[in-house]
Amino acid sequence: MTHDHSHHDHKSTHRDDPTVQDMLKRLNRLEGQIRGIKSMVEEDVYCDDILTQVAAVKSALDAFANQLFAQHVKTCVVRDLKAGKDDIIDELMVTVKRLSR
């Protein structure tokens, strides 16, 4: 099955294996950290200690988003621009705004 990137209802991105493995590793780590926060709440851990963990998860999630964003620009955005699909720029601006909240 070939991917037709002109469909706007369902865009997709091909990622090479090492990239996918790295992304999954980061997400698994995040998932573990969030499970850790859940058990801290269940075990009545001191609020400030939980907040420290939350801050760690936020910065790990931001790092993940930044990595994914850079990847998106280098692959999808470049591909669309070369194909003359300028609407990717508008999409990109919306994404930047969303990420910088």
PDB file of N, CA and C in Angstrom:
ATOM      1  N   MET A   1       0.831  -1.195   0.000  1.00  0.00           N
ATOM      2  CA  MET A   1       0.000   0.000   0.000  1.00  0.00           C
ATOM      3  C   MET A   1       0.869   1.250   0.000  1.00  0.00           C
ATOM      4  N   THR A   2       0.634   2.143  -0.933  1.00  0.00           N
ATOM      5  CA  THR A   2       1.445   3.359  -0.998  1.00  0.00           C
ATOM      6  C   THR A   2       0.782   4.480  -0.214  1.00  0.00           C
ATOM      7  N   HIS A   3       1.618   5.333   0.363  1.00  0.00           N
ATOM      8  CA  HIS A   3       1.100   6.473   1.111  1.00  0.00           C
ATOM      9  C   HIS A   3       0.949   7.653   0.176  1.00  0.00           C
ATOM     10  N   ASP A   4      -0.271   8.148   0.050  1.00  0.00           N
ATOM     11  CA  ASP A   4      -0.505   9.323  -0.760  1.00  0.00           C
ATOM     12  C   ASP A   4      -0.598  10.515   0.175  1.00  0.00           C
ATOM     13  N   HIS A   5       0.396  11.392   0.111  1.00  0.00           N
ATOM     14  CA  HIS A   5       0.462  12.487   1.062  1.00  0.00           C
ATOM     15  C   HIS A   5      -0.432  13.667   0.698  1.00  0.00           C
ATOM     16  N   SER A   6      -1.221  13.545  -0.393  1.00  0.00           N
ATOM     17  CA  SER A   6      -2.105  14.648  -0.735  1.00  0.00           C
ATOM     18  C   SER A   6      -3.389  14.602   0.084  1.00  0.00           C
ATOM     19  N   HIS A   7      -3.659  13.462   0.732  1.00  0.00           N
ATOM     20  CA  HIS A   7      -4.853  13.363   1.570  1.00  0.00           C
ATOM     21  C   HIS A   7      -4.657  14.157   2.838  1.00  0.00           C
ATOM     22  N   HIS A   8      -5.533  15.131   3.079  1.00  0.00           N
ATOM     23  CA  HIS A   8      -5.381  15.942   4.274  1.00  0.00           C
ATOM     24  C   HIS A   8      -6.106  15.358   5.468  1.00  0.00           C
ATOM     25  N   ASP A   9      -7.017  14.418   5.222  1.00  0.00           N
ATOM     26  CA  ASP A   9      -7.730  13.833   6.347  1.00  0.00           C
ATOM     27  C   ASP A   9      -6.825  12.898   7.133  1.00  0.00           C
ATOM     28  N   HIS A  10      -5.871  12.266   6.469  1.00  0.00           N
ATOM     29  CA  HIS A  10      -4.994  11.359   7.191  1.00  0.00           C
ATOM     30  C   HIS A  10      -3.578  11.447   6.653  1.00  0.00           C
ATOM     31  N   LYS A  11      -2.798  12.360   7.241  1.00  0.00           N
ATOM     32  CA  LYS A  11      -1.397  12.470   6.841  1.00  0.00           C
ATOM     33  C   LYS A  11      -0.615  11.423   7.611  1.00  0.00           C
ATOM     34  N   SER A  12       0.504  10.995   7.065  1.00  0.00           N
ATOM     35  CA  SER A  12       1.345  10.090   7.834  1.00  0.00           C
ATOM     36  C   SER A  12       2.800  10.460   7.622  1.00  0.00           C
ATOM     37  N   THR A  13       3.628   9.935   8.480  1.00  0.00           N
ATOM     38  CA  THR A  13       5.058  10.222   8.418  1.00  0.00           C
ATOM     39  C   THR A  13       5.810   8.909   8.508  1.00  0.00           C
ATOM     40  N   HIS A  14       6.729   8.710   7.576  1.00  0.00           N
ATOM     41  CA  HIS A  14       7.570   7.519   7.691  1.00  0.00           C
ATOM     42  C   HIS A  14       8.757   7.878   8.571  1.00  0.00           C
ATOM     43  N   ARG A  15       8.982   7.092   9.619  1.00  0.00           N
ATOM     44  CA  ARG A  15      10.140   7.323  10.492  1.00  0.00           C
ATOM     45  C   ARG A  15      11.059   6.123  10.407  1.00  0.00           C
ATOM     46  N   ASP A  16      12.359   6.386  10.384  1.00  0.00           N
ATOM     47  CA  ASP A  16      13.271   5.253  10.341  1.00  0.00           C
ATOM     48  C   ASP A  16      13.321   4.573  11.705  1.00  0.00           C
ATOM     49  N   ASP A  17      13.737   3.331  11.697  1.00  0.00           N
ATOM     50  CA  ASP A  17      13.689   2.491  12.888  1.00  0.00           C
ATOM     51  C   ASP A  17      14.396   3.063  14.110  1.00  0.00           C
ATOM     52  N   PRO A  18      15.655   3.537  13.986  1.00  0.00           N
ATOM     53  CA  PRO A  18      16.318   4.074  15.178  1.00  0.00           C
ATOM     54  C   PRO A  18      15.557   5.245  15.799  1.00  0.00           C
ATOM     55  N   THR A  19      14.957   6.085  14.950  1.00  0.00           N
ATOM     56  CA  THR A  19      14.174   7.218  15.440  1.00  0.00           C
ATOM     57  C   THR A  19      12.979   6.720  16.242  1.00  0.00           C
ATOM     58  N   VAL A  20      12.276   5.745  15.689  1.00  0.00           N
ATOM     59  CA  VAL A  20      11.109   5.186  16.363  1.00  0.00           C
ATOM     60  C   VAL A  20      11.523   4.565  17.692  1.00  0.00           C
ATOM     61  N   GLN A  21      12.622   3.795  17.673  1.00  0.00           N
ATOM     62  CA  GLN A  21      13.100   3.158  18.904  1.00  0.00           C
ATOM     63  C   GLN A  21      13.427   4.204  19.968  1.00  0.00           C
ATOM     64  N   ASP A  22      14.074   5.289  19.565  1.00  0.00           N
ATOM     65  CA  ASP A  22      14.428   6.355  20.500  1.00  0.00           C
ATOM     66  C   ASP A  22      13.176   7.016  21.069  1.00  0.00           C
ATOM     67  N   MET A  23      12.199   7.284  20.195  1.00  0.00           N
ATOM     68  CA  MET A  23      10.953   7.906  20.635  1.00  0.00           C
ATOM     69  C   MET A  23      10.229   7.006  21.637  1.00  0.00           C
ATOM     70  N   LEU A  24      10.173   5.719  21.340  1.00  0.00           N
ATOM     71  CA  LEU A  24       9.484   4.778  22.228  1.00  0.00           C
ATOM     72  C   LEU A  24      10.194   4.669  23.573  1.00  0.00           C
ATOM     73  N   LYS A  25      11.525   4.695  23.527  1.00  0.00           N
ATOM     74  CA  LYS A  25      12.303   4.630  24.767  1.00  0.00           C
ATOM     75  C   LYS A  25      11.974   5.834  25.655  1.00  0.00           C
ATOM     76  N   ARG A  26      11.937   7.021  25.029  1.00  0.00           N
ATOM     77  CA  ARG A  26      11.611   8.242  25.770  1.00  0.00           C
ATOM     78  C   ARG A  26      10.195   8.176  26.339  1.00  0.00           C
ATOM     79  N   LEU A  27       9.252   7.690  25.526  1.00  0.00           N
ATOM     80  CA  LEU A  27       7.858   7.608  25.967  1.00  0.00           C
ATOM     81  C   LEU A  27       7.681   6.584  27.084  1.00  0.00           C
ATOM     82  N   ASN A  28       8.393   5.473  26.991  1.00  0.00           N
ATOM     83  CA  ASN A  28       8.332   4.472  28.065  1.00  0.00           C
ATOM     84  C   ASN A  28       8.856   5.046  29.370  1.00  0.00           C
ATOM     85  N   ARG A  29       9.943   5.838  29.268  1.00  0.00           N
ATOM     86  CA  ARG A  29      10.506   6.474  30.454  1.00  0.00           C
ATOM     87  C   ARG A  29       9.486   7.446  31.054  1.00  0.00           C
ATOM     88  N   LEU A  30       8.834   8.238  30.198  1.00  0.00           N
ATOM     89  CA  LEU A  30       7.803   9.174  30.649  1.00  0.00           C
ATOM     90  C   LEU A  30       6.648   8.438  31.321  1.00  0.00           C
ATOM     91  N   GLU A  31       6.242   7.338  30.704  1.00  0.00           N
ATOM     92  CA  GLU A  31       5.157   6.533  31.240  1.00  0.00           C
ATOM     93  C   GLU A  31       5.521   6.027  32.633  1.00  0.00           C
ATOM     94  N   GLY A  32       6.742   5.574  32.789  1.00  0.00           N
ATOM     95  CA  GLY A  32       7.231   5.111  34.082  1.00  0.00           C
ATOM     96  C   GLY A  32       7.226   6.227  35.116  1.00  0.00           C
ATOM     97  N   GLN A  33       7.655   7.426  34.683  1.00  0.00           N
ATOM     98  CA  GLN A  33       7.677   8.572  35.600  1.00  0.00           C
ATOM     99  C   GLN A  33       6.265   8.933  36.056  1.00  0.00           C
ATOM    100  N   ILE A  34       5.311   8.861  35.139  1.00  0.00           N
ATOM    101  CA  ILE A  34       3.926   9.192  35.477  1.00  0.00           C
ATOM    102  C   ILE A  34       3.341   8.139  36.416  1.00  0.00           C
ATOM    103  N   ARG A  35       3.656   6.877  36.168  1.00  0.00           N
ATOM    104  CA  ARG A  35       3.234   5.821  37.100  1.00  0.00           C
ATOM    105  C   ARG A  35       3.827   6.075  38.485  1.00  0.00           C
ATOM    106  N   GLY A  36       5.076   6.535  38.519  1.00  0.00           N
ATOM    107  CA  GLY A  36       5.737   6.879  39.772  1.00  0.00           C
ATOM    108  C   GLY A  36       4.988   7.972  40.523  1.00  0.00           C
ATOM    109  N   ILE A  37       4.538   8.982  39.787  1.00  0.00           N
ATOM    110  CA  ILE A  37       3.781  10.075  40.397  1.00  0.00           C
ATOM    111  C   ILE A  37       2.465   9.540  40.966  1.00  0.00           C
ATOM    112  N   LYS A  38       1.803   8.645  40.223  1.00  0.00           N
ATOM    113  CA  LYS A  38       0.551   8.053  40.706  1.00  0.00           C
ATOM    114  C   LYS A  38       0.764   7.330  42.033  1.00  0.00           C
ATOM    115  N   SER A  39       1.829   6.538  42.124  1.00  0.00           N
ATOM    116  CA  SER A  39       2.043   5.822  43.386  1.00  0.00           C
ATOM    117  C   SER A  39       2.459   6.765  44.511  1.00  0.00           C
ATOM    118  N   MET A  40       3.141   7.883  44.158  1.00  0.00           N
ATOM    119  CA  MET A  40       3.477   8.879  45.180  1.00  0.00           C
ATOM    120  C   MET A  40       2.193   9.465  45.775  1.00  0.00           C
ATOM    121  N   VAL A  41       1.218   9.734  44.914  1.00  0.00           N
ATOM    122  CA  VAL A  41      -0.071  10.274  45.364  1.00  0.00           C
ATOM    123  C   VAL A  41      -0.775   9.255  46.254  1.00  0.00           C
ATOM    124  N   GLU A  42      -0.779   7.987  45.796  1.00  0.00           N
ATOM    125  CA  GLU A  42      -1.417   6.924  46.577  1.00  0.00           C
ATOM    126  C   GLU A  42      -0.755   6.747  47.936  1.00  0.00           C
ATOM    127  N   GLU A  43       0.558   6.958  47.995  1.00  0.00           N
ATOM    128  CA  GLU A  43       1.296   6.721  49.242  1.00  0.00           C
ATOM    129  C   GLU A  43       1.452   7.979  50.103  1.00  0.00           C
ATOM    130  N   ASP A  44       0.632   9.010  49.813  1.00  0.00           N
ATOM    131  CA  ASP A  44       0.674  10.241  50.609  1.00  0.00           C
ATOM    132  C   ASP A  44       2.060  10.866  50.731  1.00  0.00           C
ATOM    133  N   VAL A  45       2.828  10.809  49.628  1.00  0.00           N
ATOM    134  CA  VAL A  45       4.153  11.441  49.631  1.00  0.00           C
ATOM    135  C   VAL A  45       3.975  12.967  49.739  1.00  0.00           C
ATOM    136  N   TYR A  46       4.938  13.617  50.357  1.00  0.00           N
ATOM    137  CA  TYR A  46       4.918  15.074  50.536  1.00  0.00           C
ATOM    138  C   TYR A  46       4.742  15.796  49.192  1.00  0.00           C
ATOM    139  N   CYS A  47       3.794  16.761  49.166  1.00  0.00           N
ATOM    140  CA  CYS A  47       3.428  17.474  47.933  1.00  0.00           C
ATOM    141  C   CYS A  47       4.628  17.992  47.140  1.00  0.00           C
ATOM    142  N   ASP A  48       5.552  18.621  47.847  1.00  0.00           N
ATOM    143  CA  ASP A  48       6.681  19.237  47.161  1.00  0.00           C
ATOM    144  C   ASP A  48       7.526  18.204  46.415  1.00  0.00           C
ATOM    145  N   ASP A  49       7.633  17.008  46.992  1.00  0.00           N
ATOM    146  CA  ASP A  49       8.387  15.939  46.322  1.00  0.00           C
ATOM    147  C   ASP A  49       7.672  15.489  45.049  1.00  0.00           C
ATOM    148  N   ILE A  50       6.341  15.459  45.111  1.00  0.00           N
ATOM    149  CA  ILE A  50       5.566  15.087  43.919  1.00  0.00           C
ATOM    150  C   ILE A  50       5.730  16.166  42.850  1.00  0.00           C
ATOM    151  N   LEU A  51       5.672  17.427  43.269  1.00  0.00           N
ATOM    152  CA  LEU A  51       5.825  18.529  42.311  1.00  0.00           C
ATOM    153  C   LEU A  51       7.183  18.495  41.624  1.00  0.00           C
ATOM    154  N   THR A  52       8.205  18.090  42.359  1.00  0.00           N
ATOM    155  CA  THR A  52       9.539  17.952  41.772  1.00  0.00           C
ATOM    156  C   THR A  52       9.500  16.918  40.640  1.00  0.00           C
ATOM    157  N   GLN A  53       8.809  15.807  40.884  1.00  0.00           N
ATOM    158  CA  GLN A  53       8.655  14.770  39.860  1.00  0.00           C
ATOM    159  C   GLN A  53       7.854  15.274  38.666  1.00  0.00           C
ATOM    160  N   VAL A  54       6.797  16.031  38.945  1.00  0.00           N
ATOM    161  CA  VAL A  54       5.965  16.593  37.875  1.00  0.00           C
ATOM    162  C   VAL A  54       6.816  17.503  36.982  1.00  0.00           C
ATOM    163  N   ALA A  55       7.654  18.323  37.604  1.00  0.00           N
ATOM    164  CA  ALA A  55       8.527  19.223  36.844  1.00  0.00           C
ATOM    165  C   ALA A  55       9.478  18.422  35.954  1.00  0.00           C
ATOM    166  N   ALA A  56       9.979  17.303  36.480  1.00  0.00           N
ATOM    167  CA  ALA A  56      10.880  16.446  35.710  1.00  0.00           C
ATOM    168  C   ALA A  56      10.169  15.864  34.493  1.00  0.00           C
ATOM    169  N   VAL A  57       8.906  15.432  34.695  1.00  0.00           N
ATOM    170  CA  VAL A  57       8.118  14.876  33.598  1.00  0.00           C
ATOM    171  C   VAL A  57       7.835  15.953  32.551  1.00  0.00           C
ATOM    172  N   LYS A  58       7.492  17.152  33.016  1.00  0.00           N
ATOM    173  CA  LYS A  58       7.231  18.245  32.071  1.00  0.00           C
ATOM    174  C   LYS A  58       8.441  18.531  31.200  1.00  0.00           C
ATOM    175  N   SER A  59       9.628  18.573  31.829  1.00  0.00           N
ATOM    176  CA  SER A  59      10.796  18.898  31.013  1.00  0.00           C
ATOM    177  C   SER A  59      11.162  17.739  30.083  1.00  0.00           C
ATOM    178  N   ALA A  60      10.918  16.499  30.515  1.00  0.00           N
ATOM    179  CA  ALA A  60      11.155  15.349  29.630  1.00  0.00           C
ATOM    180  C   ALA A  60      10.178  15.359  28.455  1.00  0.00           C
ATOM    181  N   LEU A  61       8.933  15.744  28.726  1.00  0.00           N
ATOM    182  CA  LEU A  61       7.922  15.810  27.673  1.00  0.00           C
ATOM    183  C   LEU A  61       8.245  16.938  26.687  1.00  0.00           C
ATOM    184  N   ASP A  62       8.714  18.074  27.208  1.00  0.00           N
ATOM    185  CA  ASP A  62       9.141  19.170  26.344  1.00  0.00           C
ATOM    186  C   ASP A  62      10.299  18.749  25.449  1.00  0.00           C
ATOM    187  N   ALA A  63      11.253  18.019  26.029  1.00  0.00           N
ATOM    188  CA  ALA A  63      12.396  17.542  25.251  1.00  0.00           C
ATOM    189  C   ALA A  63      11.918  16.619  24.133  1.00  0.00           C
ATOM    190  N   PHE A  64      10.946  15.761  24.456  1.00  0.00           N
ATOM    191  CA  PHE A  64      10.370  14.854  23.454  1.00  0.00           C
ATOM    192  C   PHE A  64       9.699  15.660  22.346  1.00  0.00           C
ATOM    193  N   ALA A  65       8.909  16.658  22.727  1.00  0.00           N
ATOM    194  CA  ALA A  65       8.209  17.499  21.751  1.00  0.00           C
ATOM    195  C   ALA A  65       9.198  18.235  20.849  1.00  0.00           C
ATOM    196  N   ASN A  66      10.272  18.749  21.454  1.00  0.00           N
ATOM    197  CA  ASN A  66      11.278  19.473  20.668  1.00  0.00           C
ATOM    198  C   ASN A  66      11.968  18.569  19.661  1.00  0.00           C
ATOM    199  N   GLN A  67      12.270  17.343  20.106  1.00  0.00           N
ATOM    200  CA  GLN A  67      12.912  16.388  19.209  1.00  0.00           C
ATOM    201  C   GLN A  67      11.979  16.047  18.042  1.00  0.00           C
ATOM    202  N   LEU A  68      10.723  15.802  18.368  1.00  0.00           N
ATOM    203  CA  LEU A  68       9.736  15.450  17.348  1.00  0.00           C
ATOM    204  C   LEU A  68       9.500  16.616  16.387  1.00  0.00           C
ATOM    205  N   PHE A  69       9.470  17.826  16.935  1.00  0.00           N
ATOM    206  CA  PHE A  69       9.274  19.016  16.121  1.00  0.00           C
ATOM    207  C   PHE A  69      10.422  19.206  15.130  1.00  0.00           C
ATOM    208  N   ALA A  70      11.656  19.044  15.616  1.00  0.00           N
ATOM    209  CA  ALA A  70      12.835  19.187  14.753  1.00  0.00           C
ATOM    210  C   ALA A  70      12.778  18.171  13.618  1.00  0.00           C
ATOM    211  N   GLN A  71      12.414  16.952  13.984  1.00  0.00           N
ATOM    212  CA  GLN A  71      12.261  15.874  13.022  1.00  0.00           C
ATOM    213  C   GLN A  71      11.214  16.223  11.963  1.00  0.00           C
ATOM    214  N   HIS A  72      10.091  16.765  12.429  1.00  0.00           N
ATOM    215  CA  HIS A  72       8.984  17.144  11.555  1.00  0.00           C
ATOM    216  C   HIS A  72       9.436  18.189  10.535  1.00  0.00           C
ATOM    217  N   VAL A  73      10.180  19.189  11.015  1.00  0.00           N
ATOM    218  CA  VAL A  73      10.664  20.237  10.117  1.00  0.00           C
ATOM    219  C   VAL A  73      11.615  19.662   9.071  1.00  0.00           C
ATOM    220  N   LYS A  74      12.552  18.797   9.519  1.00  0.00           N
ATOM    221  CA  LYS A  74      13.547  18.236   8.599  1.00  0.00           C
ATOM    222  C   LYS A  74      12.954  17.287   7.573  1.00  0.00           C
ATOM    223  N   THR A  75      11.843  16.637   7.920  1.00  0.00           N
ATOM    224  CA  THR A  75      11.272  15.653   7.000  1.00  0.00           C
ATOM    225  C   THR A  75      10.013  16.167   6.312  1.00  0.00           C
ATOM    226  N   CYS A  76       8.903  16.169   7.017  1.00  0.00           N
ATOM    227  CA  CYS A  76       7.603  16.516   6.433  1.00  0.00           C
ATOM    228  C   CYS A  76       7.559  17.922   5.836  1.00  0.00           C
ATOM    229  N   VAL A  77       8.057  18.886   6.612  1.00  0.00           N
ATOM    230  CA  VAL A  77       7.969  20.274   6.172  1.00  0.00           C
ATOM    231  C   VAL A  77       8.817  20.492   4.914  1.00  0.00           C
ATOM    232  N   VAL A  78      10.036  19.990   4.944  1.00  0.00           N
ATOM    233  CA  VAL A  78      10.920  20.103   3.782  1.00  0.00           C
ATOM    234  C   VAL A  78      10.290  19.414   2.565  1.00  0.00           C
ATOM    235  N   ARG A  79       9.753  18.210   2.786  1.00  0.00           N
ATOM    236  CA  ARG A  79       9.118  17.459   1.699  1.00  0.00           C
ATOM    237  C   ARG A  79       7.968  18.257   1.074  1.00  0.00           C
ATOM    238  N   ASP A  80       7.089  18.804   1.924  1.00  0.00           N
ATOM    239  CA  ASP A  80       5.940  19.548   1.406  1.00  0.00           C
ATOM    240  C   ASP A  80       6.356  20.823   0.685  1.00  0.00           C
ATOM    241  N   LEU A  81       7.342  21.528   1.238  1.00  0.00           N
ATOM    242  CA  LEU A  81       7.805  22.750   0.580  1.00  0.00           C
ATOM    243  C   LEU A  81       8.394  22.453  -0.795  1.00  0.00           C
ATOM    244  N   LYS A  82       9.184  21.371  -0.880  1.00  0.00           N
ATOM    245  CA  LYS A  82       9.757  20.987  -2.171  1.00  0.00           C
ATOM    246  C   LYS A  82       8.665  20.633  -3.164  1.00  0.00           C
ATOM    247  N   ALA A  83       7.548  20.093  -2.633  1.00  0.00           N
ATOM    248  CA  ALA A  83       6.431  19.714  -3.499  1.00  0.00           C
ATOM    249  C   ALA A  83       5.511  20.906  -3.788  1.00  0.00           C
ATOM    250  N   GLY A  84       5.900  22.081  -3.279  1.00  0.00           N
ATOM    251  CA  GLY A  84       5.112  23.289  -3.525  1.00  0.00           C
ATOM    252  C   GLY A  84       3.876  23.421  -2.653  1.00  0.00           C
ATOM    253  N   LYS A  85       3.788  22.622  -1.603  1.00  0.00           N
ATOM    254  CA  LYS A  85       2.626  22.697  -0.703  1.00  0.00           C
ATOM    255  C   LYS A  85       2.909  23.681   0.423  1.00  0.00           C
ATOM    256  N   ASP A  86       2.609  24.949   0.161  1.00  0.00           N
ATOM    257  CA  ASP A  86       2.933  26.013   1.106  1.00  0.00           C
ATOM    258  C   ASP A  86       2.057  26.040   2.352  1.00  0.00           C
ATOM    259  N   ASP A  87       0.918  25.340   2.307  1.00  0.00           N
ATOM    260  CA  ASP A  87       0.015  25.348   3.462  1.00  0.00           C
ATOM    261  C   ASP A  87       0.650  24.725   4.711  1.00  0.00           C
ATOM    262  N   ILE A  88       1.751  23.984   4.505  1.00  0.00           N
ATOM    263  CA  ILE A  88       2.465  23.390   5.633  1.00  0.00           C
ATOM    264  C   ILE A  88       2.992  24.492   6.564  1.00  0.00           C
ATOM    265  N   ILE A  89       3.275  25.682   6.005  1.00  0.00           N
ATOM    266  CA  ILE A  89       3.780  26.797   6.804  1.00  0.00           C
ATOM    267  C   ILE A  89       2.737  27.265   7.814  1.00  0.00           C
ATOM    268  N   ASP A  90       1.482  27.385   7.361  1.00  0.00           N
ATOM    269  CA  ASP A  90       0.404  27.781   8.273  1.00  0.00           C
ATOM    270  C   ASP A  90       0.237  26.760   9.386  1.00  0.00           C
ATOM    271  N   GLU A  91       0.273  25.479   9.004  1.00  0.00           N
ATOM    272  CA  GLU A  91       0.158  24.407   9.978  1.00  0.00           C
ATOM    273  C   GLU A  91       1.292  24.506  11.003  1.00  0.00           C
ATOM    274  N   LEU A  92       2.491  24.795  10.491  1.00  0.00           N
ATOM    275  CA  LEU A  92       3.676  24.903  11.337  1.00  0.00           C
ATOM    276  C   LEU A  92       3.541  26.045  12.351  1.00  0.00           C
ATOM    277  N   MET A  93       2.993  27.171  11.903  1.00  0.00           N
ATOM    278  CA  MET A  93       2.823  28.313  12.797  1.00  0.00           C
ATOM    279  C   MET A  93       1.854  27.982  13.928  1.00  0.00           C
ATOM    280  N   VAL A  94       0.789  27.267  13.606  1.00  0.00           N
ATOM    281  CA  VAL A  94      -0.172  26.829  14.624  1.00  0.00           C
ATOM    282  C   VAL A  94       0.513  25.908  15.629  1.00  0.00           C
ATOM    283  N   THR A  95       1.327  24.997  15.113  1.00  0.00           N
ATOM    284  CA  THR A  95       2.044  24.049  15.986  1.00  0.00           C
ATOM    285  C   THR A  95       3.025  24.775  16.907  1.00  0.00           C
ATOM    286  N   VAL A  96       3.755  25.739  16.357  1.00  0.00           N
ATOM    287  CA  VAL A  96       4.711  26.508  17.151  1.00  0.00           C
ATOM    288  C   VAL A  96       3.986  27.222  18.281  1.00  0.00           C
ATOM    289  N   LYS A  97       2.842  27.837  17.952  1.00  0.00           N
ATOM    290  CA  LYS A  97       2.064  28.540  18.967  1.00  0.00           C
ATOM    291  C   LYS A  97       1.615  27.575  20.062  1.00  0.00           C
ATOM    292  N   ARG A  98       1.158  26.401  19.653  1.00  0.00           N
ATOM    293  CA  ARG A  98       0.684  25.388  20.587  1.00  0.00           C
ATOM    294  C   ARG A  98       1.816  24.900  21.499  1.00  0.00           C
ATOM    295  N   LEU A  99       2.996  24.709  20.924  1.00  0.00           N
ATOM    296  CA  LEU A  99       4.137  24.213  21.701  1.00  0.00           C
ATOM    297  C   LEU A  99       4.697  25.255  22.665  1.00  0.00           C
ATOM    298  N   SER A 100       4.534  26.525  22.331  1.00  0.00           N
ATOM    299  CA  SER A 100       5.173  27.548  23.165  1.00  0.00           C
ATOM    300  C   SER A 100       4.249  28.099  24.253  1.00  0.00           C
ATOM    301  N   ARG A 101       3.092  27.482  24.452  1.00  0.00           N
ATOM    302  CA  ARG A 101       2.182  27.908  25.523  1.00  0.00           C
ATOM    303  C   ARG A 101       2.757  27.655  26.882  1.00  0.00           C
TER     304      ARG A 101
END
